[in-house]
Amino acid sequence: MLIQVVTFRLKGITRGDYDSLCEQMAPAVAAMPGLISDVWLADESTNTYGDVYTWRDRSALEAFLKTELFRALVTHANLVELTSRVFGILEAPTAITAAARPEAA
């Protein structure tokens, strides 16, 4: 599994408009092959927004990076200072902490 953290700031768009955009995009994101989960982020106090994606493997992540959906995100005029970072996970402690939360199963 891989974790991708994407963050950005809003420019020239209201929070309500952004929320509507997210709701429109969510079904297309959910349909991405190899996506385990996507958590949408918002911190209005710092004008920081983004996503935490969990990908099955590197090939699923790389396929997403080549999609029109991802290109639309990184080139969107109202989403600025965008960063995308990819992290591996530590399997052993993750298995312990995930197992400790049966509601996550």
Protein backbone atom coordinates (compact mmCIF):
# COMPACT_ATOMS: atom_id res chain seq x y z
CA MET A 1 0.00 0.00 0.00
CA LEU A 2 0.98 3.60 -0.60
CA ILE A 3 -0.31 6.85 0.87
CA GLN A 4 -0.52 9.96 -1.29
CA VAL A 5 -1.03 13.30 0.46
CA VAL A 6 -2.16 16.17 -1.75
CA THR A 7 -2.53 19.66 -0.28
CA PHE A 8 -3.32 23.05 -1.77
CA ARG A 9 -4.86 26.44 -1.02
CA LEU A 10 -8.03 27.91 -2.49
CA LYS A 11 -7.77 31.08 -4.58
CA GLY A 12 -10.72 32.97 -6.06
CA ILE A 13 -13.29 30.37 -4.99
CA THR A 14 -15.56 30.20 -1.97
CA ARG A 15 -15.61 27.27 0.43
CA GLY A 16 -19.16 26.51 -0.72
CA ASP A 17 -18.08 26.42 -4.36
CA TYR A 18 -15.17 24.17 -3.41
CA ASP A 19 -17.47 21.81 -1.49
CA SER A 20 -19.70 21.57 -4.57
CA LEU A 21 -16.70 20.81 -6.76
CA CYS A 22 -15.63 18.04 -4.36
CA GLU A 23 -19.09 16.49 -4.39
CA GLN A 24 -19.04 16.50 -8.19
CA MET A 25 -15.59 14.88 -8.32
CA ALA A 26 -16.13 12.28 -5.58
CA PRO A 27 -17.82 9.60 -7.74
CA ALA A 28 -15.01 9.73 -10.32
CA VAL A 29 -12.39 9.49 -7.58
CA ALA A 30 -14.22 6.59 -5.94
CA ALA A 31 -14.20 4.70 -9.25
CA MET A 32 -10.40 4.83 -9.59
CA PRO A 33 -8.98 1.30 -9.87
CA GLY A 34 -6.73 0.44 -6.94
CA LEU A 35 -8.01 3.22 -4.66
CA ILE A 36 -8.61 1.87 -1.17
CA SER A 37 -9.77 5.16 0.35
CA ASP A 38 -9.74 8.92 -0.06
CA VAL A 39 -10.09 11.23 2.91
CA TRP A 40 -10.90 14.84 1.95
CA LEU A 41 -9.14 17.48 4.07
CA ALA A 42 -10.13 21.01 5.07
CA ASP A 43 -8.52 23.56 7.39
CA GLU A 44 -10.30 26.85 6.80
CA SER A 45 -8.13 28.64 9.38
CA THR A 46 -5.05 28.17 7.16
CA ASN A 47 -6.88 27.90 3.83
CA THR A 48 -5.36 24.43 3.39
CA TYR A 49 -7.32 21.66 1.67
CA GLY A 50 -6.51 18.35 0.06
CA ASP A 51 -6.79 14.60 0.15
CA VAL A 52 -5.16 11.57 1.70
CA TYR A 53 -5.38 8.72 -0.80
CA THR A 54 -4.60 5.12 0.07
CA TRP A 55 -3.52 3.14 -3.00
CA ARG A 56 -3.33 -0.64 -3.35
CA ASP A 57 0.07 -0.44 -5.06
CA ARG A 58 2.41 1.77 -7.05
CA SER A 59 0.86 0.85 -10.41
CA ALA A 60 -2.58 2.10 -9.23
CA LEU A 61 -1.02 5.36 -7.99
CA GLU A 62 0.92 5.87 -11.22
CA ALA A 63 -2.18 5.17 -13.30
CA PHE A 64 -4.05 7.84 -11.31
CA LEU A 65 -1.25 10.36 -11.91
CA LYS A 66 -1.77 9.92 -15.67
CA THR A 67 -5.54 10.48 -15.60
CA GLU A 68 -7.42 13.51 -16.83
CA LEU A 69 -8.89 13.71 -13.32
CA PHE A 70 -5.48 14.25 -11.70
CA ARG A 71 -4.40 16.66 -14.45
CA ALA A 72 -7.57 18.67 -13.83
CA LEU A 73 -6.69 18.85 -10.14
CA VAL A 74 -3.11 20.02 -10.59
CA THR A 75 -3.99 22.57 -13.27
CA HIS A 76 -7.18 23.93 -11.68
CA ALA A 77 -6.91 27.73 -11.55
CA ASN A 78 -8.53 27.91 -8.09
CA LEU A 79 -6.24 25.35 -6.44
CA VAL A 80 -2.82 26.88 -5.83
CA GLU A 81 0.41 25.88 -4.09
CA LEU A 82 -0.45 22.23 -4.75
CA THR A 83 1.87 19.57 -3.42
CA SER A 84 1.66 15.80 -3.84
CA ARG A 85 3.77 13.49 -1.68
CA VAL A 86 3.84 9.71 -1.68
CA PHE A 87 4.64 7.60 1.37
CA GLY A 88 5.14 3.92 1.94
CA ILE A 89 3.66 2.46 5.10
CA LEU A 90 5.21 0.57 7.98
CA GLU A 91 3.35 -2.72 7.71
CA ALA A 92 3.86 -4.17 11.22
CA PRO A 93 2.72 -1.23 13.38
CA THR A 94 -0.03 -0.38 10.88
CA ALA A 95 -1.42 -3.90 11.19
CA ILE A 96 -1.53 -3.49 14.99
CA THR A 97 -3.19 -0.08 15.01
CA ALA A 98 -5.66 -0.96 12.25
CA ALA A 99 -6.64 -4.15 14.10
CA ALA A 100 -7.20 -2.09 17.25
CA ARG A 101 -10.08 -0.29 15.52
CA PRO A 102 -12.73 -2.83 14.55
CA GLU A 103 -15.02 -0.07 13.26
CA ALA A 104 -12.49 0.56 10.49
CA ALA A 105 -12.87 -2.97 9.15
